[in-house]
mmCIF file of all heavy atoms, coordinates in Angstrom:
data_MODEL
# 
_entry.id   MODEL 
# 
loop_
_atom_site.group_PDB 
_atom_site.id 
_atom_site.type_symbol 
_atom_site.label_atom_id 
_atom_site.label_alt_id 
_atom_site.label_comp_id 
_atom_site.label_asym_id 
_atom_site.label_entity_id 
_atom_site.label_seq_id 
_atom_site.pdbx_PDB_ins_code 
_atom_site.Cartn_x 
_atom_site.Cartn_y 
_atom_site.Cartn_z 
_atom_site.occupancy 
_atom_site.B_iso_or_equiv 
_atom_site.pdbx_formal_charge 
_atom_site.auth_seq_id 
_atom_site.auth_comp_id 
_atom_site.auth_asym_id 
_atom_site.auth_atom_id 
_atom_site.pdbx_PDB_model_num 
ATOM 1   N N   . ILE A 1 1  ? 49.598 0.060   -43.134 1.00 0.00 ? 1  ILE A N   1 
ATOM 2   C CA  . ILE A 1 1  ? 50.007 1.099   -44.083 1.00 0.00 ? 1  ILE A CA  1 
ATOM 3   C C   . ILE A 1 1  ? 51.413 0.816   -44.610 1.00 0.00 ? 1  ILE A C   1 
ATOM 4   O O   . ILE A 1 1  ? 51.668 0.936   -45.811 1.00 0.00 ? 1  ILE A O   1 
ATOM 5   C CB  . ILE A 1 1  ? 49.918 2.495   -43.423 1.00 0.00 ? 1  ILE A CB  1 
ATOM 6   C CG1 . ILE A 1 1  ? 48.454 2.853   -43.171 1.00 0.00 ? 1  ILE A CG1 1 
ATOM 7   C CG2 . ILE A 1 1  ? 50.594 3.555   -44.283 1.00 0.00 ? 1  ILE A CG2 1 
ATOM 8   C CD1 . ILE A 1 1  ? 48.261 4.082   -42.313 1.00 0.00 ? 1  ILE A CD1 1 
ATOM 9   N N   . TYR A 1 2  ? 52.319 0.404   -43.734 1.00 0.00 ? 2  TYR A N   1 
ATOM 10  C CA  . TYR A 1 2  ? 53.690 0.080   -44.141 1.00 0.00 ? 2  TYR A CA  1 
ATOM 11  C C   . TYR A 1 2  ? 53.692 -1.056  -45.159 1.00 0.00 ? 2  TYR A C   1 
ATOM 12  O O   . TYR A 1 2  ? 54.366 -0.981  -46.186 1.00 0.00 ? 2  TYR A O   1 
ATOM 13  C CB  . TYR A 1 2  ? 54.522 -0.303  -42.915 1.00 0.00 ? 2  TYR A CB  1 
ATOM 14  C CG  . TYR A 1 2  ? 55.841 -0.940  -43.248 1.00 0.00 ? 2  TYR A CG  1 
ATOM 15  C CD1 . TYR A 1 2  ? 56.903 -0.178  -43.704 1.00 0.00 ? 2  TYR A CD1 1 
ATOM 16  C CD2 . TYR A 1 2  ? 56.022 -2.317  -43.111 1.00 0.00 ? 2  TYR A CD2 1 
ATOM 17  C CE1 . TYR A 1 2  ? 58.114 -0.761  -44.018 1.00 0.00 ? 2  TYR A CE1 1 
ATOM 18  C CE2 . TYR A 1 2  ? 57.219 -2.910  -43.436 1.00 0.00 ? 2  TYR A CE2 1 
ATOM 19  C CZ  . TYR A 1 2  ? 58.271 -2.140  -43.880 1.00 0.00 ? 2  TYR A CZ  1 
ATOM 20  O OH  . TYR A 1 2  ? 59.452 -2.721  -44.206 1.00 0.00 ? 2  TYR A OH  1 
ATOM 21  N N   . LYS A 1 3  ? 52.936 -2.137  -44.892 1.00 0.00 ? 3  LYS A N   1 
ATOM 22  C CA  . LYS A 1 3  ? 52.895 -3.262  -45.822 1.00 0.00 ? 3  LYS A CA  1 
ATOM 23  C C   . LYS A 1 3  ? 52.275 -2.848  -47.152 1.00 0.00 ? 3  LYS A C   1 
ATOM 24  O O   . LYS A 1 3  ? 52.710 -3.303  -48.207 1.00 0.00 ? 3  LYS A O   1 
ATOM 25  C CB  . LYS A 1 3  ? 52.107 -4.420  -45.210 1.00 0.00 ? 3  LYS A CB  1 
ATOM 26  C CG  . LYS A 1 3  ? 52.798 -5.107  -44.058 1.00 0.00 ? 3  LYS A CG  1 
ATOM 27  C CD  . LYS A 1 3  ? 54.081 -5.761  -44.464 1.00 0.00 ? 3  LYS A CD  1 
ATOM 28  C CE  . LYS A 1 3  ? 53.796 -7.051  -45.170 1.00 0.00 ? 3  LYS A CE  1 
ATOM 29  N NZ  . LYS A 1 3  ? 55.003 -7.813  -45.506 1.00 0.00 ? 3  LYS A NZ  1 
ATOM 30  N N   . SER A 1 4  ? 51.276 -1.995  -47.113 1.00 0.00 ? 4  SER A N   1 
ATOM 31  C CA  . SER A 1 4  ? 50.640 -1.532  -48.340 1.00 0.00 ? 4  SER A CA  1 
ATOM 32  C C   . SER A 1 4  ? 51.616 -0.733  -49.197 1.00 0.00 ? 4  SER A C   1 
ATOM 33  O O   . SER A 1 4  ? 51.693 -0.925  -50.413 1.00 0.00 ? 4  SER A O   1 
ATOM 34  C CB  . SER A 1 4  ? 49.415 -0.699  -47.993 1.00 0.00 ? 4  SER A CB  1 
ATOM 35  O OG  . SER A 1 4  ? 48.839 -0.152  -49.140 1.00 0.00 ? 4  SER A OG  1 
ATOM 36  N N   . VAL A 1 5  ? 52.359 0.168   -48.565 1.00 0.00 ? 5  VAL A N   1 
ATOM 37  C CA  . VAL A 1 5  ? 53.337 0.970   -49.294 1.00 0.00 ? 5  VAL A CA  1 
ATOM 38  C C   . VAL A 1 5  ? 54.446 0.085   -49.834 1.00 0.00 ? 5  VAL A C   1 
ATOM 39  O O   . VAL A 1 5  ? 54.872 0.219   -50.986 1.00 0.00 ? 5  VAL A O   1 
ATOM 40  C CB  . VAL A 1 5  ? 53.906 2.089   -48.386 1.00 0.00 ? 5  VAL A CB  1 
ATOM 41  C CG1 . VAL A 1 5  ? 55.101 2.768   -49.014 1.00 0.00 ? 5  VAL A CG1 1 
ATOM 42  C CG2 . VAL A 1 5  ? 52.825 3.112   -48.068 1.00 0.00 ? 5  VAL A CG2 1 
ATOM 43  N N   . LYS A 1 6  ? 54.912 -0.855  -49.030 1.00 0.00 ? 6  LYS A N   1 
ATOM 44  C CA  . LYS A 1 6  ? 55.974 -1.760  -49.457 1.00 0.00 ? 6  LYS A CA  1 
ATOM 45  C C   . LYS A 1 6  ? 55.526 -2.612  -50.645 1.00 0.00 ? 6  LYS A C   1 
ATOM 46  O O   . LYS A 1 6  ? 56.264 -2.767  -51.623 1.00 0.00 ? 6  LYS A O   1 
ATOM 47  C CB  . LYS A 1 6  ? 56.390 -2.659  -48.296 1.00 0.00 ? 6  LYS A CB  1 
ATOM 48  C CG  . LYS A 1 6  ? 57.530 -3.585  -48.620 1.00 0.00 ? 6  LYS A CG  1 
ATOM 49  C CD  . LYS A 1 6  ? 57.898 -4.443  -47.428 1.00 0.00 ? 6  LYS A CD  1 
ATOM 50  C CE  . LYS A 1 6  ? 58.967 -5.439  -47.813 1.00 0.00 ? 6  LYS A CE  1 
ATOM 51  N NZ  . LYS A 1 6  ? 59.192 -6.423  -46.755 1.00 0.00 ? 6  LYS A NZ  1 
ATOM 52  N N   . ASN A 1 7  ? 54.308 -3.157  -50.587 1.00 0.00 ? 7  ASN A N   1 
ATOM 53  C CA  . ASN A 1 7  ? 53.800 -3.971  -51.684 1.00 0.00 ? 7  ASN A CA  1 
ATOM 54  C C   . ASN A 1 7  ? 53.590 -3.152  -52.946 1.00 0.00 ? 7  ASN A C   1 
ATOM 55  O O   . ASN A 1 7  ? 53.841 -3.623  -54.050 1.00 0.00 ? 7  ASN A O   1 
ATOM 56  C CB  . ASN A 1 7  ? 52.494 -4.651  -51.282 1.00 0.00 ? 7  ASN A CB  1 
ATOM 57  C CG  . ASN A 1 7  ? 52.717 -5.799  -50.333 1.00 0.00 ? 7  ASN A CG  1 
ATOM 58  O OD1 . ASN A 1 7  ? 53.807 -6.366  -50.271 1.00 0.00 ? 7  ASN A OD1 1 
ATOM 59  N ND2 . ASN A 1 7  ? 51.700 -6.140  -49.571 1.00 0.00 ? 7  ASN A ND2 1 
ATOM 60  N N   . SER A 1 8  ? 53.144 -1.910  -52.815 1.00 0.00 ? 8  SER A N   1 
ATOM 61  C CA  . SER A 1 8  ? 52.940 -1.088  -54.005 1.00 0.00 ? 8  SER A CA  1 
ATOM 62  C C   . SER A 1 8  ? 54.269 -0.717  -54.649 1.00 0.00 ? 8  SER A C   1 
ATOM 63  O O   . SER A 1 8  ? 54.364 -0.611  -55.861 1.00 0.00 ? 8  SER A O   1 
ATOM 64  C CB  . SER A 1 8  ? 52.127 0.157   -53.678 1.00 0.00 ? 8  SER A CB  1 
ATOM 65  O OG  . SER A 1 8  ? 52.857 1.020   -52.837 1.00 0.00 ? 8  SER A OG  1 
ATOM 66  N N   . LYS A 1 9  ? 55.302 -0.530  -53.841 1.00 0.00 ? 9  LYS A N   1 
ATOM 67  C CA  . LYS A 1 9  ? 56.620 -0.232  -54.406 1.00 0.00 ? 9  LYS A CA  1 
ATOM 68  C C   . LYS A 1 9  ? 57.204 -1.443  -55.115 1.00 0.00 ? 9  LYS A C   1 
ATOM 69  O O   . LYS A 1 9  ? 57.942 -1.300  -56.080 1.00 0.00 ? 9  LYS A O   1 
ATOM 70  C CB  . LYS A 1 9  ? 57.578 0.229   -53.304 1.00 0.00 ? 9  LYS A CB  1 
ATOM 71  C CG  . LYS A 1 9  ? 57.330 1.639   -52.852 1.00 0.00 ? 9  LYS A CG  1 
ATOM 72  C CD  . LYS A 1 9  ? 58.372 2.087   -51.828 1.00 0.00 ? 9  LYS A CD  1 
ATOM 73  C CE  . LYS A 1 9  ? 58.108 3.511   -51.385 1.00 0.00 ? 9  LYS A CE  1 
ATOM 74  N NZ  . LYS A 1 9  ? 59.091 3.944   -50.365 1.00 0.00 ? 9  LYS A NZ  1 
ATOM 75  N N   . GLU A 1 10 ? 56.873 -2.641  -54.652 1.00 0.00 ? 10 GLU A N   1 
ATOM 76  C CA  . GLU A 1 10 ? 57.359 -3.867  -55.282 1.00 0.00 ? 10 GLU A CA  1 
ATOM 77  C C   . GLU A 1 10 ? 56.492 -4.280  -56.467 1.00 0.00 ? 10 GLU A C   1 
ATOM 78  O O   . GLU A 1 10 ? 56.799 -5.238  -57.152 1.00 0.00 ? 10 GLU A O   1 
ATOM 79  C CB  . GLU A 1 10 ? 57.399 -4.996  -54.253 1.00 0.00 ? 10 GLU A CB  1 
ATOM 80  C CG  . GLU A 1 10 ? 58.447 -4.799  -53.187 1.00 0.00 ? 10 GLU A CG  1 
ATOM 81  C CD  . GLU A 1 10 ? 58.422 -5.889  -52.127 1.00 0.00 ? 10 GLU A CD  1 
ATOM 82  O OE1 . GLU A 1 10 ? 57.537 -6.771  -52.197 1.00 0.00 ? 10 GLU A OE1 1 
ATOM 83  O OE2 . GLU A 1 10 ? 59.284 -5.861  -51.245 1.00 0.00 ? 10 GLU A OE2 1 
ATOM 84  N N   . GLY A 1 11 ? 55.418 -3.566  -56.707 1.00 0.00 ? 11 GLY A N   1 
ATOM 85  C CA  . GLY A 1 11 ? 54.559 -3.862  -57.850 1.00 0.00 ? 11 GLY A CA  1 
ATOM 86  C C   . GLY A 1 11 ? 53.518 -4.924  -57.577 1.00 0.00 ? 11 GLY A C   1 
ATOM 87  O O   . GLY A 1 11 ? 52.898 -5.428  -58.498 1.00 0.00 ? 11 GLY A O   1 
ATOM 88  N N   . LYS A 1 12 ? 53.318 -5.293  -56.340 1.00 0.00 ? 12 LYS A N   1 
ATOM 89  C CA  . LYS A 1 12 ? 52.315 -6.300  -56.007 1.00 0.00 ? 12 LYS A CA  1 
ATOM 90  C C   . LYS A 1 12 ? 50.956 -5.621  -55.868 1.00 0.00 ? 12 LYS A C   1 
ATOM 91  O O   . LYS A 1 12 ? 50.845 -4.548  -55.318 1.00 0.00 ? 12 LYS A O   1 
ATOM 92  C CB  . LYS A 1 12 ? 52.663 -6.978  -54.690 1.00 0.00 ? 12 LYS A CB  1 
ATOM 93  C CG  . LYS A 1 12 ? 53.934 -7.777  -54.728 1.00 0.00 ? 12 LYS A CG  1 
ATOM 94  C CD  . LYS A 1 12 ? 54.209 -8.402  -53.390 1.00 0.00 ? 12 LYS A CD  1 
ATOM 95  C CE  . LYS A 1 12 ? 55.521 -9.142  -53.381 1.00 0.00 ? 12 LYS A CE  1 
ATOM 96  N NZ  . LYS A 1 12 ? 55.823 -9.673  -52.040 1.00 0.00 ? 12 LYS A NZ  1 
ATOM 97  N N   . HIS A 1 13 ? 49.945 -6.294  -56.385 1.00 0.00 ? 13 HIS A N   1 
ATOM 98  C CA  . HIS A 1 13 ? 48.573 -5.786  -56.260 1.00 0.00 ? 13 HIS A CA  1 
ATOM 99  C C   . HIS A 1 13 ? 47.841 -6.685  -55.277 1.00 0.00 ? 13 HIS A C   1 
ATOM 100 O O   . HIS A 1 13 ? 47.567 -7.833  -55.560 1.00 0.00 ? 13 HIS A O   1 
ATOM 101 C CB  . HIS A 1 13 ? 47.863 -5.793  -57.600 1.00 0.00 ? 13 HIS A CB  1 
ATOM 102 C CG  . HIS A 1 13 ? 46.431 -5.394  -57.518 1.00 0.00 ? 13 HIS A CG  1 
ATOM 103 N ND1 . HIS A 1 13 ? 46.038 -4.132  -57.181 1.00 0.00 ? 13 HIS A ND1 1 
ATOM 104 C CD2 . HIS A 1 13 ? 45.298 -6.092  -57.712 1.00 0.00 ? 13 HIS A CD2 1 
ATOM 105 C CE1 . HIS A 1 13 ? 44.726 -4.069  -57.179 1.00 0.00 ? 13 HIS A CE1 1 
ATOM 106 N NE2 . HIS A 1 13 ? 44.255 -5.242  -57.501 1.00 0.00 ? 13 HIS A NE2 1 
ATOM 107 N N   . MET A 1 14 ? 47.520 -6.162  -54.107 1.00 0.00 ? 14 MET A N   1 
ATOM 108 C CA  . MET A 1 14 ? 46.887 -6.968  -53.073 1.00 0.00 ? 14 MET A CA  1 
ATOM 109 C C   . MET A 1 14 ? 45.451 -6.526  -52.803 1.00 0.00 ? 14 MET A C   1 
ATOM 110 O O   . MET A 1 14 ? 44.862 -6.895  -51.812 1.00 0.00 ? 14 MET A O   1 
ATOM 111 C CB  . MET A 1 14 ? 47.686 -6.874  -51.769 1.00 0.00 ? 14 MET A CB  1 
ATOM 112 C CG  . MET A 1 14 ? 49.135 -7.292  -51.906 1.00 0.00 ? 14 MET A CG  1 
ATOM 113 S SD  . MET A 1 14 ? 49.360 -8.986  -52.454 1.00 0.00 ? 14 MET A SD  1 
ATOM 114 C CE  . MET A 1 14 ? 48.826 -9.846  -51.006 1.00 0.00 ? 14 MET A CE  1 
ATOM 115 N N   . GLY A 1 15 ? 44.855 -5.748  -53.688 1.00 0.00 ? 15 GLY A N   1 
ATOM 116 C CA  . GLY A 1 15 ? 43.543 -5.190  -53.415 1.00 0.00 ? 15 GLY A CA  1 
ATOM 117 C C   . GLY A 1 15 ? 42.380 -6.113  -53.655 1.00 0.00 ? 15 GLY A C   1 
ATOM 118 O O   . GLY A 1 15 ? 41.268 -5.829  -53.268 1.00 0.00 ? 15 GLY A O   1 
ATOM 119 N N   . CYS A 1 16 ? 42.587 -7.242  -54.303 1.00 0.00 ? 16 CYS A N   1 
ATOM 120 C CA  . CYS A 1 16 ? 41.490 -8.125  -54.635 1.00 0.00 ? 16 CYS A CA  1 
ATOM 121 C C   . CYS A 1 16 ? 41.801 -9.516  -54.145 1.00 0.00 ? 16 CYS A C   1 
ATOM 122 O O   . CYS A 1 16 ? 42.766 -10.120 -54.591 1.00 0.00 ? 16 CYS A O   1 
ATOM 123 C CB  . CYS A 1 16 ? 41.280 -8.139  -56.146 1.00 0.00 ? 16 CYS A CB  1 
ATOM 124 S SG  . CYS A 1 16 ? 39.912 -9.157  -56.673 1.00 0.00 ? 16 CYS A SG  1 
ATOM 125 N N   . ALA A 1 17 ? 40.997 -10.021 -53.270 1.00 0.00 ? 17 ALA A N   1 
ATOM 126 C CA  . ALA A 1 17 ? 41.222 -11.359 -52.739 1.00 0.00 ? 17 ALA A CA  1 
ATOM 127 C C   . ALA A 1 17 ? 39.944 -12.171 -52.889 1.00 0.00 ? 17 ALA A C   1 
ATOM 128 O O   . ALA A 1 17 ? 38.862 -11.700 -52.610 1.00 0.00 ? 17 ALA A O   1 
ATOM 129 C CB  . ALA A 1 17 ? 41.635 -11.289 -51.277 1.00 0.00 ? 17 ALA A CB  1 
ATOM 130 N N   . GLY A 1 18 ? 40.071 -13.386 -53.349 1.00 0.00 ? 18 GLY A N   1 
ATOM 131 C CA  . GLY A 1 18 ? 38.925 -14.273 -53.454 1.00 0.00 ? 18 GLY A CA  1 
ATOM 132 C C   . GLY A 1 18 ? 38.158 -14.097 -54.738 1.00 0.00 ? 18 GLY A C   1 
ATOM 133 O O   . GLY A 1 18 ? 38.612 -13.485 -55.695 1.00 0.00 ? 18 GLY A O   1 
ATOM 134 N N   . CYS A 1 19 ? 36.984 -14.640 -54.765 1.00 0.00 ? 19 CYS A N   1 
ATOM 135 C CA  . CYS A 1 19 ? 36.151 -14.668 -55.961 1.00 0.00 ? 19 CYS A CA  1 
ATOM 136 C C   . CYS A 1 19 ? 34.908 -13.814 -55.805 1.00 0.00 ? 19 CYS A C   1 
ATOM 137 O O   . CYS A 1 19 ? 33.804 -14.243 -56.113 1.00 0.00 ? 19 CYS A O   1 
ATOM 138 C CB  . CYS A 1 19 ? 35.754 -16.115 -56.275 1.00 0.00 ? 19 CYS A CB  1 
ATOM 139 S SG  . CYS A 1 19 ? 37.152 -17.150 -56.667 1.00 0.00 ? 19 CYS A SG  1 
ATOM 140 N N   . SER A 1 20 ? 35.069 -12.622 -55.299 1.00 0.00 ? 20 SER A N   1 
ATOM 141 C CA  . SER A 1 20 ? 33.899 -11.782 -55.081 1.00 0.00 ? 20 SER A CA  1 
ATOM 142 C C   . SER A 1 20 ? 33.346 -11.215 -56.378 1.00 0.00 ? 20 SER A C   1 
ATOM 143 O O   . SER A 1 20 ? 32.177 -10.898 -56.463 1.00 0.00 ? 20 SER A O   1 
ATOM 144 C CB  . SER A 1 20 ? 34.245 -10.635 -54.129 1.00 0.00 ? 20 SER A CB  1 
ATOM 145 O OG  . SER A 1 20 ? 35.212 -9.803  -54.714 1.00 0.00 ? 20 SER A OG  1 
ATOM 146 N N   . GLY A 1 21 ? 34.178 -11.043 -57.383 1.00 0.00 ? 21 GLY A N   1 
ATOM 147 C CA  . GLY A 1 21 ? 33.723 -10.487 -58.645 1.00 0.00 ? 21 GLY A CA  1 
ATOM 148 C C   . GLY A 1 21 ? 33.601 -8.983  -58.617 1.00 0.00 ? 21 GLY A C   1 
ATOM 149 O O   . GLY A 1 21 ? 33.152 -8.379  -59.572 1.00 0.00 ? 21 GLY A O   1 
ATOM 150 N N   . ASN A 1 22 ? 34.005 -8.345  -57.534 1.00 0.00 ? 22 ASN A N   1 
ATOM 151 C CA  . ASN A 1 22 ? 33.873 -6.901  -57.411 1.00 0.00 ? 22 ASN A CA  1 
ATOM 152 C C   . ASN A 1 22 ? 35.099 -6.151  -57.879 1.00 0.00 ? 22 ASN A C   1 
ATOM 153 O O   . ASN A 1 22 ? 35.078 -4.943  -57.983 1.00 0.00 ? 22 ASN A O   1 
ATOM 154 C CB  . ASN A 1 22 ? 33.590 -6.521  -55.953 1.00 0.00 ? 22 ASN A CB  1 
ATOM 155 C CG  . ASN A 1 22 ? 32.254 -7.022  -55.500 1.00 0.00 ? 22 ASN A CG  1 
ATOM 156 O OD1 . ASN A 1 22 ? 31.327 -7.119  -56.288 1.00 0.00 ? 22 ASN A OD1 1 
ATOM 157 N ND2 . ASN A 1 22 ? 32.141 -7.346  -54.232 1.00 0.00 ? 22 ASN A ND2 1 
ATOM 158 N N   . CYS A 1 23 ? 36.178 -6.831  -58.142 1.00 0.00 ? 23 CYS A N   1 
ATOM 159 C CA  . CYS A 1 23 ? 37.436 -6.189  -58.492 1.00 0.00 ? 23 CYS A CA  1 
ATOM 160 C C   . CYS A 1 23 ? 37.677 -6.351  -59.987 1.00 0.00 ? 23 CYS A C   1 
ATOM 161 O O   . CYS A 1 23 ? 37.864 -7.459  -60.461 1.00 0.00 ? 23 CYS A O   1 
ATOM 162 C CB  . CYS A 1 23 ? 38.574 -6.815  -57.685 1.00 0.00 ? 23 CYS A CB  1 
ATOM 163 S SG  . CYS A 1 23 ? 40.155 -6.036  -57.994 1.00 0.00 ? 23 CYS A SG  1 
ATOM 164 N N   . GLY A 1 24 ? 37.678 -5.259  -60.718 1.00 0.00 ? 24 GLY A N   1 
ATOM 165 C CA  . GLY A 1 24 ? 37.821 -5.322  -62.158 1.00 0.00 ? 24 GLY A CA  1 
ATOM 166 C C   . GLY A 1 24 ? 39.198 -5.690  -62.631 1.00 0.00 ? 24 GLY A C   1 
ATOM 167 O O   . GLY A 1 24 ? 39.378 -6.199  -63.733 1.00 0.00 ? 24 GLY A O   1 
ATOM 168 N N   . SER A 1 25 ? 40.230 -5.482  -61.820 1.00 0.00 ? 25 SER A N   1 
ATOM 169 C CA  . SER A 1 25 ? 41.596 -5.759  -62.270 1.00 0.00 ? 25 SER A CA  1 
ATOM 170 C C   . SER A 1 25 ? 42.022 -7.183  -62.000 1.00 0.00 ? 25 SER A C   1 
ATOM 171 O O   . SER A 1 25 ? 43.125 -7.569  -62.374 1.00 0.00 ? 25 SER A O   1 
ATOM 172 C CB  . SER A 1 25 ? 42.564 -4.783  -61.597 1.00 0.00 ? 25 SER A CB  1 
ATOM 173 O OG  . SER A 1 25 ? 42.575 -4.993  -60.208 1.00 0.00 ? 25 SER A OG  1 
ATOM 174 N N   . CYS A 1 26 ? 41.195 -7.991  -61.359 1.00 0.00 ? 26 CYS A N   1 
ATOM 175 C CA  . CYS A 1 26 ? 41.556 -9.375  -61.058 1.00 0.00 ? 26 CYS A CA  1 
ATOM 176 C C   . CYS A 1 26 ? 40.964 -10.304 -62.106 1.00 0.00 ? 26 CYS A C   1 
ATOM 177 O O   . CYS A 1 26 ? 39.793 -10.197 -62.424 1.00 0.00 ? 26 CYS A O   1 
ATOM 178 C CB  . CYS A 1 26 ? 41.046 -9.776  -59.685 1.00 0.00 ? 26 CYS A CB  1 
ATOM 179 S SG  . CYS A 1 26 ? 41.903 -8.957  -58.357 1.00 0.00 ? 26 CYS A SG  1 
ATOM 180 N N   . GLY A 1 27 ? 41.771 -11.215 -62.604 1.00 0.00 ? 27 GLY A N   1 
ATOM 181 C CA  . GLY A 1 27 ? 41.281 -12.211 -63.536 1.00 0.00 ? 27 GLY A CA  1 
ATOM 182 C C   . GLY A 1 27 ? 40.565 -13.322 -62.797 1.00 0.00 ? 27 GLY A C   1 
ATOM 183 O O   . GLY A 1 27 ? 39.466 -13.696 -63.122 1.00 0.00 ? 27 GLY A O   1 
# 
């Protein structure tokens, strides 16, 4: 939770990893 809050405050988007194709915000 701490890392998630810290990354969101820094503007990093860590919600999509890999090539699953399920994340609409990832190119």
